[in-house]
Amino acid sequence: MKKKHGRSWSIIFLCCLLAVPTLGAIMGMYGPSPTLTDLRPALLVGAALGVMHILLRPLLRILTAPLGCLTFGLFGMVIDVGLLYASAALVDGFSIPGLPYAILTALTINAVCAIAGGKH
């Protein structure tokens, strides 16, 4: 089965868009019953992260390829966490509670993108 070339970026964008508010709700960032006004900043962060994953991540991965080789690819996680913090800084009303939450979010986004869209 051949994969369509243009479908990959839309899957990455949707994974980022939906993963941030979903993981925020799972981690209890919104309280027991989140409303749409609670989820709006998370959706904006997810959209910003999706755009950054599509446009900036490939460029950053190429520029830091030697570091990726030295760390056996773990520097890619540093890039993903950095993009998550950068997208959170762009949106007022959203903050990441700590580094473990950012790492878990980045791992989950990468896993979902790998399962849904093939190689990420």
Protein backbone atom coordinates (compact mmCIF):
# COMPACT_ATOMS: atom_id res chain seq x y z
CA MET A 1 0.00 0.00 0.00
CA LYS A 2 1.51 3.31 -1.06
CA LYS A 3 1.36 6.23 1.31
CA LYS A 4 0.21 9.53 -0.10
CA HIS A 5 2.91 12.15 0.20
CA GLY A 6 0.71 15.07 1.29
CA ARG A 7 -1.10 13.17 4.02
CA SER A 8 1.83 13.01 6.43
CA TRP A 9 1.85 16.70 7.38
CA SER A 10 -1.87 16.70 8.14
CA ILE A 11 -1.50 13.70 10.46
CA ILE A 12 1.37 15.40 12.29
CA PHE A 13 -0.66 18.60 12.66
CA LEU A 14 -3.72 16.74 13.98
CA CYS A 15 -1.63 14.71 16.42
CA CYS A 16 -0.11 17.87 17.86
CA LEU A 17 -3.42 19.72 17.87
CA LEU A 18 -5.23 17.00 19.79
CA ALA A 19 -2.42 15.67 22.00
CA VAL A 20 -1.75 18.85 23.97
CA PRO A 21 -5.30 19.37 25.33
CA THR A 22 -5.84 15.62 25.77
CA LEU A 23 -2.68 15.16 27.81
CA GLY A 24 -3.48 18.31 29.78
CA ALA A 25 -6.84 16.84 30.72
CA ILE A 26 -5.29 13.47 31.62
CA MET A 27 -2.67 15.16 33.80
CA GLY A 28 -5.35 17.15 35.60
CA MET A 29 -4.37 20.63 34.45
CA TYR A 30 -7.98 21.78 33.99
CA GLY A 31 -9.72 20.41 37.05
CA PRO A 32 -12.46 17.78 37.18
CA SER A 33 -14.66 19.15 34.37
CA PRO A 34 -12.86 21.21 31.71
CA THR A 35 -14.83 23.71 29.64
CA LEU A 36 -14.11 25.04 26.17
CA THR A 37 -12.63 28.23 27.62
CA ASP A 38 -10.19 26.06 29.60
CA LEU A 39 -9.20 24.13 26.50
CA ARG A 40 -8.83 27.07 24.10
CA PRO A 41 -5.21 27.95 25.08
CA ALA A 42 -4.25 24.28 24.87
CA LEU A 43 -5.77 24.01 21.40
CA LEU A 44 -3.85 27.12 20.31
CA VAL A 45 -0.62 25.65 21.70
CA GLY A 46 -1.37 22.41 19.86
CA ALA A 47 -1.92 24.30 16.61
CA ALA A 48 1.31 26.29 17.08
CA LEU A 49 3.18 23.09 17.92
CA GLY A 50 1.78 21.41 14.82
CA VAL A 51 3.00 24.22 12.59
CA MET A 52 6.41 24.18 14.30
CA HIS A 53 6.65 20.40 13.89
CA ILE A 54 5.95 20.70 10.19
CA LEU A 55 8.13 23.73 9.42
CA LEU A 56 10.90 24.01 12.04
CA ARG A 57 11.52 20.47 13.27
CA PRO A 58 12.99 19.11 10.01
CA LEU A 59 15.34 22.09 9.74
CA LEU A 60 16.43 21.78 13.38
CA ARG A 61 16.98 18.03 12.97
CA ILE A 62 19.26 18.65 9.98
CA LEU A 63 21.20 21.42 11.73
CA THR A 64 21.74 19.32 14.86
CA ALA A 65 22.42 16.01 13.11
CA PRO A 66 25.94 15.69 14.58
CA LEU A 67 24.53 16.05 18.10
CA GLY A 68 21.88 13.50 17.23
CA CYS A 69 24.57 11.06 16.20
CA LEU A 70 26.56 11.62 19.40
CA THR A 71 23.50 11.12 21.61
CA PHE A 72 22.06 8.21 19.59
CA GLY A 73 19.06 10.28 18.55
CA LEU A 74 18.10 11.50 22.03
CA PHE A 75 18.78 15.10 21.04
CA GLY A 76 15.62 14.88 18.96
CA MET A 77 13.69 14.78 22.23
CA VAL A 78 15.43 18.00 23.30
CA ILE A 79 14.24 19.60 20.05
CA ASP A 80 10.68 18.38 20.62
CA VAL A 81 10.57 19.64 24.22
CA GLY A 82 12.05 22.97 23.11
CA LEU A 83 9.38 23.33 20.42
CA LEU A 84 6.72 22.56 23.03
CA TYR A 85 8.04 25.26 25.36
CA ALA A 86 8.33 27.72 22.45
CA SER A 87 4.75 27.14 21.36
CA ALA A 88 3.55 27.51 24.97
CA ALA A 89 5.40 30.83 25.21
CA LEU A 90 3.45 32.14 22.21
CA VAL A 91 0.04 31.63 23.85
CA ASP A 92 -1.15 33.63 26.86
CA GLY A 93 -2.89 31.63 29.54
CA PHE A 94 -0.98 28.38 29.00
CA SER A 95 2.00 27.15 30.94
CA ILE A 96 3.74 23.82 31.21
CA PRO A 97 3.88 22.71 34.87
CA GLY A 98 7.33 21.14 34.61
CA LEU A 99 9.88 19.31 32.54
CA PRO A 100 8.39 15.82 33.15
CA TYR A 101 5.08 16.98 31.67
CA ALA A 102 6.86 18.38 28.62
CA ILE A 103 8.86 15.18 28.11
CA LEU A 104 5.75 13.02 28.48
CA THR A 105 3.85 15.20 26.02
CA ALA A 106 6.69 15.09 23.48
CA LEU A 107 6.99 11.29 23.83
CA THR A 108 3.26 10.84 23.39
CA ILE A 109 3.09 13.09 20.33
CA ASN A 110 5.98 11.22 18.71
CA ALA A 111 4.44 7.84 19.50
CA VAL A 112 1.01 8.79 18.16
CA CYS A 113 2.52 10.32 15.02
CA ALA A 114 4.64 7.21 14.45
CA ILE A 115 1.64 4.91 14.83
CA ALA A 116 -0.81 7.03 12.84
CA GLY A 117 1.43 8.40 10.13
CA GLY A 118 4.31 6.00 9.80
CA LYS A 119 7.82 7.36 10.21
CA HIS A 120 7.89 10.71 12.00
